[in-house]
Amino acid sequence: MAKKKKKCVECPPPAPIWLTSWGDMTTLMLTFFVIIIGKPTVEQVDLKIILSTFQGSLGFLEGGQTLSKGKMEQMGMNMENLPAPDKGKNLGKAISIAMEIFKPEIAAKKIQVSQDERGIVISMIGENHFPPGSAHLTDEAKKILFKIGKLLRTLDSYIRIEGHTDETPVARSPSGERYETNWELSSQRSINVLRFLDESEDVEPSRMSAVSFGKYRPLVESNTPEGRSINRRVDIVILTDKQTQRDYNDTDLPSTKVPGTEWQQSQ
């Protein structure tokens, strides 16, 4: 007796072809980031091998098996400049320490502590740090710089000291100092802070630079006395590794740069 043929059960449709490529790509990306996070530093050769996988086999990025073209070249450069985990932890601790040691000054609105793409920013704001139209450090400023120097000596990061003014034209100071524009005044203030940290607080001079921005990078509107007080500041920036590489190698400024000239002087 002949066996009855079983009825063919309708099979589900296969997965779309693109899903296979998508799965491969997500697996490669997972492997890529596991390697990056798992190692404190990434050898250049290892990084090129990883990135060549994205370029050669997927077929939609230029450059074949090299890093000579395409966005992946820039991505590779950025990944090589990522700070080591230990450095990141140190900077994370540094901002917590800064918030604690400057608690009285922060409450009195003499200091602001923040963090942005540059690194940790300690801003000396207000009128207590320099006399009007002068670049001489007051006793109040020196007390604050004593605390800042103590913090900086515990780190090995580069430090950029940025001088800023408000939009008020420069007036002659009581001590007879005379600066033609806010450029010169903010420049001399940043240099005087650098010299104090070098000569009085023993911060390594090769790690420091002084920059002048004049009135061109305000934090707030300058149409009130409080706003002008905030904009009239000196920023001590503890730079991240990535920012340091950009500043000291190709001198490219971020895209948020306000038009103006940047003067950088290394001690």
Protein backbone atom coordinates (compact mmCIF):
# COMPACT_ATOMS: atom_id res chain seq x y z
CA MET A 1 0.00 0.00 0.00
CA ALA A 2 1.48 3.33 -1.04
CA LYS A 3 2.29 5.83 1.69
CA LYS A 4 0.42 9.08 1.69
CA LYS A 5 2.59 12.04 0.92
CA LYS A 6 2.74 14.54 3.75
CA LYS A 7 1.42 17.92 2.89
CA CYS A 8 4.23 20.48 2.53
CA VAL A 9 4.04 22.99 5.31
CA GLU A 10 4.68 26.50 4.00
CA CYS A 11 8.13 27.66 5.11
CA PRO A 12 8.58 31.18 6.45
CA PRO A 13 10.23 33.60 4.04
CA PRO A 14 14.02 33.94 4.44
CA ALA A 15 15.54 36.96 6.18
CA PRO A 16 16.33 39.92 3.94
CA ILE A 17 19.79 39.84 2.40
CA TRP A 18 20.71 43.18 3.93
CA LEU A 19 20.19 41.77 7.43
CA THR A 20 23.20 39.47 7.02
CA SER A 21 25.48 42.40 6.17
CA TRP A 22 24.01 44.41 9.03
CA GLY A 23 24.71 41.59 11.50
CA ASP A 24 28.29 41.29 10.26
CA MET A 25 28.85 45.02 10.60
CA THR A 26 27.46 45.23 14.16
CA THR A 27 29.62 42.27 15.20
CA LEU A 28 32.72 43.95 13.78
CA MET A 29 31.88 47.21 15.53
CA LEU A 30 31.34 45.39 18.83
CA THR A 31 34.73 43.71 18.46
CA PHE A 32 36.33 47.05 17.55
CA PHE A 33 35.09 48.85 20.66
CA VAL A 34 35.84 45.90 22.96
CA ILE A 35 39.47 46.07 21.81
CA ILE A 36 39.61 49.85 22.25
CA ILE A 37 38.12 49.79 25.75
CA GLY A 38 39.99 46.68 26.86
CA LYS A 39 43.48 48.03 26.10
CA PRO A 40 44.97 51.16 27.73
CA THR A 41 46.76 51.97 24.47
CA VAL A 42 46.18 50.82 20.92
CA GLU A 43 49.10 50.01 18.68
CA GLN A 44 48.97 51.81 15.35
CA VAL A 45 49.32 48.57 13.40
CA ASP A 46 46.45 46.95 15.32
CA LEU A 47 44.24 49.96 14.66
CA LYS A 48 44.96 49.88 10.93
CA ILE A 49 44.11 46.18 10.76
CA ILE A 50 40.78 46.81 12.49
CA LEU A 51 39.88 49.77 10.30
CA SER A 52 40.86 47.99 7.08
CA THR A 53 38.08 45.49 7.80
CA PHE A 54 35.53 48.28 7.60
CA GLN A 55 36.98 49.64 4.37
CA GLY A 56 37.91 46.63 2.28
CA SER A 57 35.15 44.08 2.78
CA LEU A 58 32.06 46.25 3.06
CA GLY A 59 32.78 47.80 -0.29
CA PHE A 60 31.27 51.25 0.20
CA LEU A 61 34.21 53.15 1.71
CA GLU A 62 37.05 54.58 -0.38
CA GLY A 63 40.65 53.69 0.14
CA GLY A 64 40.70 49.90 -0.23
CA GLN A 65 42.92 48.38 2.47
CA THR A 66 44.59 51.69 3.40
CA LEU A 67 43.75 54.65 5.59
CA SER A 68 44.67 57.21 2.94
CA LYS A 69 41.13 58.33 2.08
CA GLY A 70 37.72 58.56 3.62
CA LYS A 71 36.31 59.48 7.02
CA MET A 72 37.79 56.36 8.60
CA GLU A 73 41.25 57.95 8.38
CA GLN A 74 40.11 60.79 10.62
CA MET A 75 38.33 58.34 12.90
CA GLY A 76 41.57 56.41 13.25
CA MET A 77 43.50 59.53 14.17
CA ASN A 78 40.91 60.46 16.78
CA MET A 79 40.88 56.99 18.32
CA GLU A 80 44.67 57.01 18.63
CA ASN A 81 44.43 60.29 20.54
CA LEU A 82 41.91 59.04 23.09
CA PRO A 83 43.25 59.38 26.64
CA ALA A 84 44.20 56.27 28.54
CA PRO A 85 41.65 55.12 31.13
CA ASP A 86 43.99 56.06 33.98
CA LYS A 87 44.33 59.62 32.66
CA GLY A 88 40.57 59.94 32.35
CA LYS A 89 40.11 58.73 35.92
CA ASN A 90 42.70 61.25 37.13
CA LEU A 91 40.92 64.14 35.43
CA GLY A 92 37.61 62.91 36.85
CA LYS A 93 39.11 62.99 40.33
CA ALA A 94 40.69 66.39 39.64
CA ILE A 95 37.37 68.10 38.96
CA SER A 96 35.90 66.61 42.14
CA ILE A 97 38.89 67.85 44.13
CA ALA A 98 38.67 71.29 42.50
CA MET A 99 34.98 71.57 43.36
CA GLU A 100 35.80 70.74 46.97
CA ILE A 101 38.84 72.95 47.55
CA PHE A 102 37.24 75.95 45.82
CA LYS A 103 33.87 75.59 47.56
CA PRO A 104 34.20 78.95 49.41
CA GLU A 105 35.34 80.79 46.26
CA ILE A 106 32.57 79.20 44.17
CA ALA A 107 29.99 80.28 46.75
CA ALA A 108 31.42 83.81 46.68
CA LYS A 109 31.35 83.81 42.84
CA LYS A 110 35.09 84.31 42.59
CA ILE A 111 35.71 80.97 40.86
CA GLN A 112 33.84 78.78 38.41
CA VAL A 113 34.79 75.14 37.84
CA SER A 114 33.44 73.38 34.75
CA GLN A 115 34.31 70.72 32.20
CA ASP A 116 33.99 70.86 28.41
CA GLU A 117 35.64 69.40 25.31
CA ARG A 118 38.93 71.11 26.23
CA GLY A 119 39.15 69.55 29.69
CA ILE A 120 38.71 70.97 33.19
CA VAL A 121 38.26 74.76 33.27
CA ILE A 122 38.95 76.78 36.42
CA SER A 123 37.77 80.35 35.77
CA MET A 124 38.97 83.25 37.91
CA ILE A 125 36.06 85.66 37.54
CA GLY A 126 35.16 88.99 39.11
CA GLU A 127 37.08 92.10 40.11
CA ASN A 128 39.15 90.67 42.97
CA HIS A 129 41.94 89.17 40.89
CA PHE A 130 43.28 92.26 39.07
CA PRO A 131 42.87 96.01 39.66
CA PRO A 132 40.92 97.83 36.88
CA GLY A 133 43.04 98.19 33.75
CA SER A 134 45.94 96.33 35.40
CA ALA A 135 47.59 92.94 34.97
CA HIS A 136 49.08 92.86 38.49
CA LEU A 137 47.84 89.94 40.58
CA THR A 138 46.06 90.88 43.78
CA ASP A 139 46.67 89.08 47.08
CA GLU A 140 43.27 87.41 46.60
CA ALA A 141 44.36 86.08 43.20
CA LYS A 142 47.62 84.76 44.63
CA LYS A 143 45.75 82.84 47.34
CA ILE A 144 43.60 81.19 44.68
CA LEU A 145 46.61 80.43 42.47
CA PHE A 146 48.29 78.78 45.48
CA LYS A 147 45.40 76.27 45.57
CA ILE A 148 45.45 75.87 41.78
CA GLY A 149 49.20 75.23 41.77
CA LYS A 150 48.82 72.56 44.45
CA LEU A 151 46.24 70.81 42.24
CA LEU A 152 48.26 71.14 39.02
CA ARG A 153 51.35 69.58 40.59
CA THR A 154 49.41 66.35 41.12
CA LEU A 155 48.65 66.04 37.38
CA ASP A 156 50.78 65.54 34.29
CA SER A 157 48.39 67.22 31.84
CA TYR A 158 49.20 70.28 29.75
CA ILE A 159 47.75 73.55 31.03
CA ARG A 160 46.54 76.44 28.91
CA ILE A 161 45.99 79.81 30.60
CA GLU A 162 43.46 81.92 28.71
CA GLY A 163 43.10 85.67 29.30
CA HIS A 164 39.72 87.37 28.66
CA THR A 165 38.27 90.85 29.11
CA ASP A 166 34.84 92.42 28.80
CA GLU A 167 33.88 94.91 26.08
CA THR A 168 34.79 98.00 28.10
CA PRO A 169 37.64 100.04 26.54
CA VAL A 170 40.88 99.75 28.47
CA ALA A 171 41.37 102.50 31.06
CA ARG A 172 44.63 103.62 32.65
CA SER A 173 45.20 101.72 35.86
CA PRO A 174 45.93 103.47 39.20
CA SER A 175 49.48 102.10 39.01
CA GLY A 176 50.08 103.84 35.70
CA GLU A 177 49.95 100.74 33.46
CA ARG A 178 48.81 101.44 29.94
CA TYR A 179 47.51 98.88 27.42
CA GLU A 180 46.42 99.91 23.95
CA THR A 181 43.65 97.32 23.62
CA ASN A 182 41.98 94.49 25.51
CA TRP A 183 44.23 92.11 23.56
CA GLU A 184 47.32 93.39 25.35
CA LEU A 185 45.62 93.49 28.74
CA SER A 186 44.22 89.95 28.57
CA SER A 187 47.54 88.69 27.19
CA GLN A 188 49.55 90.21 30.04
CA ARG A 189 47.12 88.86 32.64
CA SER A 190 47.41 85.31 31.32
CA ILE A 191 51.21 85.58 31.18
CA ASN A 192 51.37 86.92 34.75
CA VAL A 193 49.28 83.97 35.95
CA LEU A 194 51.60 81.59 34.07
CA ARG A 195 54.70 83.21 35.58
CA PHE A 196 53.27 83.04 39.10
CA LEU A 197 52.48 79.33 38.73
CA ASP A 198 55.98 78.75 37.38
CA GLU A 199 58.01 80.89 39.77
CA SER A 200 55.97 80.65 42.97
CA GLU A 201 54.13 77.34 42.71
CA ASP A 202 56.73 75.22 40.86
CA VAL A 203 54.35 74.06 38.13
CA GLU A 204 56.41 72.58 35.29
CA PRO A 205 56.76 75.46 32.74
CA SER A 206 57.03 73.12 29.75
CA ARG A 207 53.43 72.02 30.38
CA MET A 208 52.01 75.56 30.31
CA SER A 209 51.07 78.08 27.63
CA ALA A 210 49.43 81.52 27.72
CA VAL A 211 46.67 82.62 25.35
CA SER A 212 44.91 85.96 24.79
CA PHE A 213 41.29 86.19 23.58
CA GLY A 214 40.52 89.79 24.51
CA LYS A 215 36.78 90.48 24.48
CA TYR A 216 35.95 87.97 21.75
CA ARG A 217 34.92 84.91 23.78
CA PRO A 218 32.37 86.10 26.33
CA LEU A 219 30.52 83.57 28.45
CA VAL A 220 27.43 85.76 28.88
CA GLU A 221 26.02 89.06 27.62
CA SER A 222 28.10 92.07 28.70
CA ASN A 223 25.19 94.48 29.11
CA THR A 224 25.15 94.20 32.92
CA PRO A 225 27.88 94.70 35.56
CA GLU A 226 27.51 91.05 36.62
CA GLY A 227 27.87 89.86 33.01
CA ARG A 228 30.98 91.97 32.47
CA SER A 229 32.42 90.64 35.71
CA ILE A 230 32.00 87.05 34.50
CA ASN A 231 33.49 87.76 31.06
CA ARG A 232 36.48 89.55 32.61
CA ARG A 233 38.28 86.39 33.63
CA VAL A 234 41.35 84.16 33.37
CA ASP A 235 40.70 80.49 32.59
CA ILE A 236 43.15 77.82 33.72
CA VAL A 237 42.37 74.88 31.42
CA ILE A 238 43.64 71.41 32.30
CA LEU A 239 43.72 69.94 28.81
CA THR A 240 42.69 66.43 27.83
CA ASP A 241 45.12 64.33 25.79
CA LYS A 242 43.03 64.82 22.64
CA GLN A 243 42.89 68.60 23.06
CA THR A 244 46.62 68.73 23.82
CA GLN A 245 47.42 66.87 20.59
CA ARG A 246 45.33 69.34 18.59
CA ASP A 247 46.78 72.43 20.28
CA TYR A 248 50.44 71.44 20.19
CA ASN A 249 50.60 69.66 16.83
CA ASP A 250 48.31 71.19 14.23
CA THR A 251 46.98 74.25 16.16
CA ASP A 252 43.46 73.67 14.80
CA LEU A 253 40.84 75.43 16.89
CA PRO A 254 37.36 73.95 17.49
CA SER A 255 34.59 74.87 15.06
CA THR A 256 32.96 76.95 17.84
CA LYS A 257 35.83 79.45 17.62
CA VAL A 258 34.70 83.06 17.81
CA PRO A 259 36.53 85.14 15.17
CA GLY A 260 39.64 86.70 16.61
CA THR A 261 43.37 86.25 16.83
CA GLU A 262 44.89 83.74 19.23
CA TRP A 263 48.30 84.46 20.70
CA GLN A 264 50.01 81.48 22.27
CA GLN A 265 53.29 81.82 24.12
CA SER A 266 55.13 78.96 25.76
CA GLN A 267 57.28 79.67 28.78
